[in-house]
Amino acid sequence: MDVHERILQLCRERNWSLYKLAHEAGISETTVYGWFNDNHFTPSRSSIEDVCSAFGISVAAFYHDIDLDKLTPQQTELLILFDQVPDKKKSVVLDIVRSFAEK
């Protein structure tokens, strides 16, 4: 399963249209439909976070059914550990990772 299939799966589970997802996630309809039209754009990290928030799931839970064989063991461990971080501290962890990624 890829990111697009996972989004569609979550929509089906909740009986949501892409239109409803866009509104619940606060993402433009054009952006959401762009993920599934001929362009087949990949959602950005922030869009995935918005989608997860709309669905009421963590990012780790979103990626749980994604093809994990495409992730390295370290990436998988990072997702698992991040899901265990208290919600109040997740932004701090993200800031730290971003600071390393920028260098």
C-alpha atoms as a PDB file:
ATOM      1  CA  MET A   1       0.000   0.000   0.000  1.00  0.00           C
ATOM      2  CA  ASP A   2       1.274   3.474  -0.798  1.00  0.00           C
ATOM      3  CA  VAL A   3       0.367   6.885   0.636  1.00  0.00           C
ATOM      4  CA  HIS A   4      -2.423   7.418  -1.882  1.00  0.00           C
ATOM      5  CA  GLU A   5      -3.968   4.018  -1.207  1.00  0.00           C
ATOM      6  CA  ARG A   6      -3.754   4.640   2.546  1.00  0.00           C
ATOM      7  CA  ILE A   7      -5.618   7.946   2.239  1.00  0.00           C
ATOM      8  CA  LEU A   8      -8.326   6.280   0.156  1.00  0.00           C
ATOM      9  CA  GLN A   9      -8.556   3.425   2.660  1.00  0.00           C
ATOM     10  CA  LEU A  10      -9.045   5.845   5.545  1.00  0.00           C
ATOM     11  CA  CYS A  11     -11.675   7.755   3.554  1.00  0.00           C
ATOM     12  CA  ARG A  12     -13.556   4.523   2.811  1.00  0.00           C
ATOM     13  CA  GLU A  13     -13.440   3.494   6.478  1.00  0.00           C
ATOM     14  CA  ARG A  14     -15.103   6.781   7.436  1.00  0.00           C
ATOM     15  CA  ASN A  15     -17.306   7.004   4.367  1.00  0.00           C
ATOM     16  CA  TRP A  16     -15.654  10.317   3.452  1.00  0.00           C
ATOM     17  CA  SER A  17     -15.292  11.787  -0.004  1.00  0.00           C
ATOM     18  CA  LEU A  18     -12.100  13.536  -1.038  1.00  0.00           C
ATOM     19  CA  TYR A  19     -14.106  16.754  -0.807  1.00  0.00           C
ATOM     20  CA  LYS A  20     -14.909  16.045   2.863  1.00  0.00           C
ATOM     21  CA  LEU A  21     -11.295  15.125   3.566  1.00  0.00           C
ATOM     22  CA  ALA A  22     -10.102  18.414   2.082  1.00  0.00           C
ATOM     23  CA  HIS A  23     -12.474  20.399   4.279  1.00  0.00           C
ATOM     24  CA  GLU A  24     -11.793  18.404   7.449  1.00  0.00           C
ATOM     25  CA  ALA A  25      -8.016  18.644   6.927  1.00  0.00           C
ATOM     26  CA  GLY A  26      -8.051  22.317   5.957  1.00  0.00           C
ATOM     27  CA  ILE A  27      -6.395  21.554   2.625  1.00  0.00           C
ATOM     28  CA  SER A  28      -7.581  22.989  -0.669  1.00  0.00           C
ATOM     29  CA  GLU A  29      -9.742  20.694  -2.759  1.00  0.00           C
ATOM     30  CA  THR A  30      -7.426  21.292  -5.711  1.00  0.00           C
ATOM     31  CA  THR A  31      -4.485  19.968  -3.706  1.00  0.00           C
ATOM     32  CA  VAL A  32      -6.308  16.854  -2.538  1.00  0.00           C
ATOM     33  CA  TYR A  33      -7.671  16.057  -5.996  1.00  0.00           C
ATOM     34  CA  GLY A  34      -4.156  16.653  -7.395  1.00  0.00           C
ATOM     35  CA  TRP A  35      -2.980  13.661  -5.382  1.00  0.00           C
ATOM     36  CA  PHE A  36      -5.340  11.409  -7.322  1.00  0.00           C
ATOM     37  CA  ASN A  37      -5.614  12.912 -10.813  1.00  0.00           C
ATOM     38  CA  ASP A  38      -3.263  12.297 -13.739  1.00  0.00           C
ATOM     39  CA  ASN A  39      -0.518  14.320 -12.030  1.00  0.00           C
ATOM     40  CA  HIS A  40      -0.555  11.930  -9.054  1.00  0.00           C
ATOM     41  CA  PHE A  41       1.258  14.391  -6.787  1.00  0.00           C
ATOM     42  CA  THR A  42       2.648  13.072  -3.528  1.00  0.00           C
ATOM     43  CA  PRO A  43       1.245  14.791  -0.427  1.00  0.00           C
ATOM     44  CA  SER A  44       3.750  16.924   1.462  1.00  0.00           C
ATOM     45  CA  ARG A  45       4.749  16.112   5.028  1.00  0.00           C
ATOM     46  CA  SER A  46       2.584  18.944   6.352  1.00  0.00           C
ATOM     47  CA  SER A  47      -0.377  17.725   4.280  1.00  0.00           C
ATOM     48  CA  ILE A  48       0.047  14.222   5.718  1.00  0.00           C
ATOM     49  CA  GLU A  49       0.045  15.746   9.209  1.00  0.00           C
ATOM     50  CA  ASP A  50      -3.170  17.643   8.368  1.00  0.00           C
ATOM     51  CA  VAL A  51      -4.753  14.478   6.983  1.00  0.00           C
ATOM     52  CA  CYS A  52      -3.786  12.556  10.117  1.00  0.00           C
ATOM     53  CA  SER A  53      -5.255  15.275  12.301  1.00  0.00           C
ATOM     54  CA  ALA A  54      -8.512  15.173  10.335  1.00  0.00           C
ATOM     55  CA  PHE A  55      -8.689  11.406  10.703  1.00  0.00           C
ATOM     56  CA  GLY A  56      -7.725  11.604  14.382  1.00  0.00           C
ATOM     57  CA  ILE A  57      -4.696   9.349  13.986  1.00  0.00           C
ATOM     58  CA  SER A  58      -0.972   9.763  14.536  1.00  0.00           C
ATOM     59  CA  VAL A  59       1.486  10.003  11.658  1.00  0.00           C
ATOM     60  CA  ALA A  60       2.945   6.689  12.798  1.00  0.00           C
ATOM     61  CA  ALA A  61      -0.503   5.090  12.621  1.00  0.00           C
ATOM     62  CA  PHE A  62      -0.939   6.517   9.119  1.00  0.00           C
ATOM     63  CA  TYR A  63       2.300   4.931   7.953  1.00  0.00           C
ATOM     64  CA  HIS A  64       1.636   1.666   9.794  1.00  0.00           C
ATOM     65  CA  ASP A  65       0.150  -0.026   6.711  1.00  0.00           C
ATOM     66  CA  ILE A  66       2.408   1.656   4.187  1.00  0.00           C
ATOM     67  CA  ASP A  67       4.974  -0.590   2.555  1.00  0.00           C
ATOM     68  CA  LEU A  68       7.406  -0.671   5.431  1.00  0.00           C
ATOM     69  CA  ASP A  69       9.871  -2.642   3.382  1.00  0.00           C
ATOM     70  CA  LYS A  70      10.638   0.663   1.669  1.00  0.00           C
ATOM     71  CA  LEU A  71      11.712   2.164   4.996  1.00  0.00           C
ATOM     72  CA  THR A  72      15.078   1.524   6.575  1.00  0.00           C
ATOM     73  CA  PRO A  73      15.133  -0.023  10.046  1.00  0.00           C
ATOM     74  CA  GLN A  74      16.157   3.389  11.436  1.00  0.00           C
ATOM     75  CA  GLN A  75      13.207   5.112   9.750  1.00  0.00           C
ATOM     76  CA  THR A  76      10.823   2.518  11.133  1.00  0.00           C
ATOM     77  CA  GLU A  77      12.310   2.890  14.619  1.00  0.00           C
ATOM     78  CA  LEU A  78      12.027   6.680  14.392  1.00  0.00           C
ATOM     79  CA  LEU A  79       8.314   6.454  13.538  1.00  0.00           C
ATOM     80  CA  ILE A  80       7.665   4.034  16.391  1.00  0.00           C
ATOM     81  CA  LEU A  81       9.564   6.174  18.896  1.00  0.00           C
ATOM     82  CA  PHE A  82       7.957   9.401  17.690  1.00  0.00           C
ATOM     83  CA  ASP A  83       4.524   7.893  18.277  1.00  0.00           C
ATOM     84  CA  GLN A  84       5.540   7.326  21.923  1.00  0.00           C
ATOM     85  CA  VAL A  85       6.566  10.960  22.493  1.00  0.00           C
ATOM     86  CA  PRO A  86       3.970  12.938  24.475  1.00  0.00           C
ATOM     87  CA  ASP A  87       1.941  15.230  22.198  1.00  0.00           C
ATOM     88  CA  LYS A  88       3.243  18.345  23.979  1.00  0.00           C
ATOM     89  CA  LYS A  89       6.830  17.430  23.095  1.00  0.00           C
ATOM     90  CA  LYS A  90       6.367  16.269  19.493  1.00  0.00           C
ATOM     91  CA  SER A  91       6.940  19.756  18.093  1.00  0.00           C
ATOM     92  CA  VAL A  92      10.266  19.908  19.957  1.00  0.00           C
ATOM     93  CA  VAL A  93      11.342  16.586  18.454  1.00  0.00           C
ATOM     94  CA  LEU A  94      10.350  17.779  14.979  1.00  0.00           C
ATOM     95  CA  ASP A  95      12.292  21.025  15.459  1.00  0.00           C
ATOM     96  CA  ILE A  96      15.394  19.056  16.453  1.00  0.00           C
ATOM     97  CA  VAL A  97      15.135  16.735  13.463  1.00  0.00           C
ATOM     98  CA  ARG A  98      14.529  19.682  11.118  1.00  0.00           C
ATOM     99  CA  SER A  99      17.616  21.441  12.462  1.00  0.00           C
ATOM    100  CA  PHE A 100      19.744  18.388  11.661  1.00  0.00           C
ATOM    101  CA  ALA A 101      18.150  17.980   8.239  1.00  0.00           C
ATOM    102  CA  GLU A 102      18.951  21.568   7.260  1.00  0.00           C
ATOM    103  CA  LYS A 103      22.675  21.162   7.815  1.00  0.00           C
END
